[in-house]
Amino acid sequence: MSSRDKGNFSESRACSYLEDRDFIIIERNYYAKKLGEIDIIASKDGILHFVEVKSALADFDPIYNLTKGKLKKVINSAFYFMKERKLHMAFSIDAMIIRDEEIEFIENITM
């Protein structure tokens, strides 16, 4: 399985996880021109959630792939999405860490 296939598989697992918790998936793999990509955009209770999904092999914790630079790209892309869609609402920058069978959802990672 290629790294792209693994990423798509992890993002599908993340979407299922969110949907099981009453999130509505708005978009996957949103690309904000030169700013970057957001893996999942979802909503729940009137709040938009911009979710970065990270997964890796068992011998490396994927949380270490969530870098300051990647976080900055997600934030800039989220603001671009909000501006492009003319949205004025509460939002959260979140991370979904997938380790084998374990899924950890971390909300508001910028706080």
C-alpha atoms as a PDB file:
ATOM      1  CA  MET A   1       0.000   0.000   0.000  1.00  0.00           C
ATOM      2  CA  SER A   2       1.447   3.365  -1.021  1.00  0.00           C
ATOM      3  CA  SER A   3       1.766   6.236   1.443  1.00  0.00           C
ATOM      4  CA  ARG A   4      -1.058   8.029  -0.414  1.00  0.00           C
ATOM      5  CA  ASP A   5      -3.284   4.948  -0.024  1.00  0.00           C
ATOM      6  CA  LYS A   6      -2.404   4.740   3.675  1.00  0.00           C
ATOM      7  CA  GLY A   7      -3.236   8.423   4.079  1.00  0.00           C
ATOM      8  CA  ASN A   8      -6.592   8.015   2.336  1.00  0.00           C
ATOM      9  CA  PHE A   9      -7.356   4.963   4.478  1.00  0.00           C
ATOM     10  CA  SER A  10      -6.500   6.898   7.661  1.00  0.00           C
ATOM     11  CA  GLU A  11      -8.620   9.857   6.577  1.00  0.00           C
ATOM     12  CA  SER A  12     -11.550   7.526   5.880  1.00  0.00           C
ATOM     13  CA  ARG A  13     -11.177   6.032   9.362  1.00  0.00           C
ATOM     14  CA  ALA A  14     -11.062   9.554  10.802  1.00  0.00           C
ATOM     15  CA  CYS A  15     -14.251  10.525   8.944  1.00  0.00           C
ATOM     16  CA  SER A  16     -16.030   7.425  10.246  1.00  0.00           C
ATOM     17  CA  TYR A  17     -14.866   8.240  13.770  1.00  0.00           C
ATOM     18  CA  LEU A  18     -16.241  11.774  13.489  1.00  0.00           C
ATOM     19  CA  GLU A  19     -19.524  10.692  11.892  1.00  0.00           C
ATOM     20  CA  ASP A  20     -20.039   8.162  14.705  1.00  0.00           C
ATOM     21  CA  ARG A  21     -19.860  11.156  17.064  1.00  0.00           C
ATOM     22  CA  ASP A  22     -22.461  13.184  15.140  1.00  0.00           C
ATOM     23  CA  PHE A  23     -20.062  15.358  13.134  1.00  0.00           C
ATOM     24  CA  ILE A  24     -21.116  16.233   9.595  1.00  0.00           C
ATOM     25  CA  ILE A  25     -18.298  15.963   7.062  1.00  0.00           C
ATOM     26  CA  ILE A  26     -18.288  19.125   4.933  1.00  0.00           C
ATOM     27  CA  GLU A  27     -15.232  18.442   2.798  1.00  0.00           C
ATOM     28  CA  ARG A  28     -12.140  16.254   2.531  1.00  0.00           C
ATOM     29  CA  ASN A  29      -8.745  17.300   1.193  1.00  0.00           C
ATOM     30  CA  TYR A  30      -9.589  20.975   0.832  1.00  0.00           C
ATOM     31  CA  TYR A  31      -6.734  22.722  -0.951  1.00  0.00           C
ATOM     32  CA  ALA A  32      -6.348  26.447  -0.248  1.00  0.00           C
ATOM     33  CA  LYS A  33      -4.266  27.507  -3.248  1.00  0.00           C
ATOM     34  CA  LYS A  34      -0.642  27.925  -2.126  1.00  0.00           C
ATOM     35  CA  LEU A  35      -1.458  27.911   1.590  1.00  0.00           C
ATOM     36  CA  GLY A  36      -1.896  24.191   2.105  1.00  0.00           C
ATOM     37  CA  GLU A  37      -4.420  21.424   2.519  1.00  0.00           C
ATOM     38  CA  ILE A  38      -6.917  20.550   5.216  1.00  0.00           C
ATOM     39  CA  ASP A  39      -7.592  16.830   5.533  1.00  0.00           C
ATOM     40  CA  ILE A  40     -11.144  17.077   6.886  1.00  0.00           C
ATOM     41  CA  ILE A  41     -13.580  19.925   7.419  1.00  0.00           C
ATOM     42  CA  ALA A  42     -16.509  18.924   9.607  1.00  0.00           C
ATOM     43  CA  SER A  43     -19.194  20.602  11.666  1.00  0.00           C
ATOM     44  CA  LYS A  44     -20.941  19.861  14.926  1.00  0.00           C
ATOM     45  CA  ASP A  45     -23.154  22.040  17.098  1.00  0.00           C
ATOM     46  CA  GLY A  46     -22.575  25.116  14.922  1.00  0.00           C
ATOM     47  CA  ILE A  47     -18.774  24.881  15.083  1.00  0.00           C
ATOM     48  CA  LEU A  48     -16.529  24.172  12.094  1.00  0.00           C
ATOM     49  CA  HIS A  49     -13.707  21.724  12.763  1.00  0.00           C
ATOM     50  CA  PHE A  50     -10.595  21.782  10.595  1.00  0.00           C
ATOM     51  CA  VAL A  51      -8.992  18.393  11.220  1.00  0.00           C
ATOM     52  CA  GLU A  52      -5.416  17.391  10.446  1.00  0.00           C
ATOM     53  CA  VAL A  53      -5.030  13.596  10.313  1.00  0.00           C
ATOM     54  CA  LYS A  54      -1.706  12.023  11.222  1.00  0.00           C
ATOM     55  CA  SER A  55      -0.859   8.334  11.111  1.00  0.00           C
ATOM     56  CA  ALA A  56       2.369   6.362  10.924  1.00  0.00           C
ATOM     57  CA  LEU A  57       3.913   2.959  11.332  1.00  0.00           C
ATOM     58  CA  ALA A  58       3.770   1.319  14.758  1.00  0.00           C
ATOM     59  CA  ASP A  59       7.415   2.148  15.555  1.00  0.00           C
ATOM     60  CA  PHE A  60       6.912   5.918  15.160  1.00  0.00           C
ATOM     61  CA  ASP A  61       4.315   8.005  16.985  1.00  0.00           C
ATOM     62  CA  PRO A  62       2.469  10.087  14.360  1.00  0.00           C
ATOM     63  CA  ILE A  63       1.986  12.991  16.770  1.00  0.00           C
ATOM     64  CA  TYR A  64       5.563  13.966  15.933  1.00  0.00           C
ATOM     65  CA  ASN A  65       4.448  14.647  12.349  1.00  0.00           C
ATOM     66  CA  LEU A  66       2.280  17.499  13.616  1.00  0.00           C
ATOM     67  CA  THR A  67       4.854  20.259  13.285  1.00  0.00           C
ATOM     68  CA  LYS A  68       4.683  23.987  13.881  1.00  0.00           C
ATOM     69  CA  GLY A  69       4.973  24.574  10.124  1.00  0.00           C
ATOM     70  CA  LYS A  70       2.147  22.146   9.319  1.00  0.00           C
ATOM     71  CA  LEU A  71      -0.056  23.721  11.981  1.00  0.00           C
ATOM     72  CA  LYS A  72       0.565  27.177  10.495  1.00  0.00           C
ATOM     73  CA  LYS A  73      -0.510  25.911   7.058  1.00  0.00           C
ATOM     74  CA  VAL A  74      -3.716  24.434   8.487  1.00  0.00           C
ATOM     75  CA  ILE A  75      -4.542  27.689  10.294  1.00  0.00           C
ATOM     76  CA  ASN A  76      -3.909  29.798   7.181  1.00  0.00           C
ATOM     77  CA  SER A  77      -5.954  27.381   5.056  1.00  0.00           C
ATOM     78  CA  ALA A  78      -8.817  27.496   7.580  1.00  0.00           C
ATOM     79  CA  PHE A  79      -8.911  31.289   7.424  1.00  0.00           C
ATOM     80  CA  TYR A  80      -8.837  31.096   3.619  1.00  0.00           C
ATOM     81  CA  PHE A  81     -11.761  28.635   3.630  1.00  0.00           C
ATOM     82  CA  MET A  82     -13.781  30.897   5.945  1.00  0.00           C
ATOM     83  CA  LYS A  83     -13.072  33.965   3.789  1.00  0.00           C
ATOM     84  CA  GLU A  84     -13.767  32.158   0.515  1.00  0.00           C
ATOM     85  CA  ARG A  85     -17.130  30.892   1.789  1.00  0.00           C
ATOM     86  CA  LYS A  86     -17.927  34.181   3.579  1.00  0.00           C
ATOM     87  CA  LEU A  87     -18.416  32.350   6.874  1.00  0.00           C
ATOM     88  CA  HIS A  88     -18.459  34.077  10.229  1.00  0.00           C
ATOM     89  CA  MET A  89     -18.738  31.366  12.846  1.00  0.00           C
ATOM     90  CA  ALA A  90     -16.846  29.612  15.604  1.00  0.00           C
ATOM     91  CA  PHE A  91     -14.201  27.146  14.466  1.00  0.00           C
ATOM     92  CA  SER A  92     -11.633  24.786  15.910  1.00  0.00           C
ATOM     93  CA  ILE A  93      -8.300  23.492  14.617  1.00  0.00           C
ATOM     94  CA  ASP A  94      -8.113  19.826  15.592  1.00  0.00           C
ATOM     95  CA  ALA A  95      -5.856  16.808  15.159  1.00  0.00           C
ATOM     96  CA  MET A  96      -6.717  13.173  14.660  1.00  0.00           C
ATOM     97  CA  ILE A  97      -3.844  10.867  15.610  1.00  0.00           C
ATOM     98  CA  ILE A  98      -4.176   7.300  14.342  1.00  0.00           C
ATOM     99  CA  ARG A  99      -1.948   4.651  15.884  1.00  0.00           C
ATOM    100  CA  ASP A 100      -2.774   1.158  14.572  1.00  0.00           C
ATOM    101  CA  GLU A 101      -6.247   0.521  16.060  1.00  0.00           C
ATOM    102  CA  GLU A 102      -6.215   3.553  18.412  1.00  0.00           C
ATOM    103  CA  ILE A 103      -7.688   6.895  17.377  1.00  0.00           C
ATOM    104  CA  GLU A 104      -7.043   9.999  19.433  1.00  0.00           C
ATOM    105  CA  PHE A 105      -9.045  13.150  18.657  1.00  0.00           C
ATOM    106  CA  ILE A 106      -7.499  16.355  20.010  1.00  0.00           C
ATOM    107  CA  GLU A 107      -9.656  19.466  19.739  1.00  0.00           C
ATOM    108  CA  ASN A 108      -8.410  23.079  19.754  1.00  0.00           C
ATOM    109  CA  ILE A 109      -4.742  22.265  19.273  1.00  0.00           C
ATOM    110  CA  THR A 110      -3.877  25.933  18.812  1.00  0.00           C
ATOM    111  CA  MET A 111      -4.883  26.969  22.317  1.00  0.00           C
END
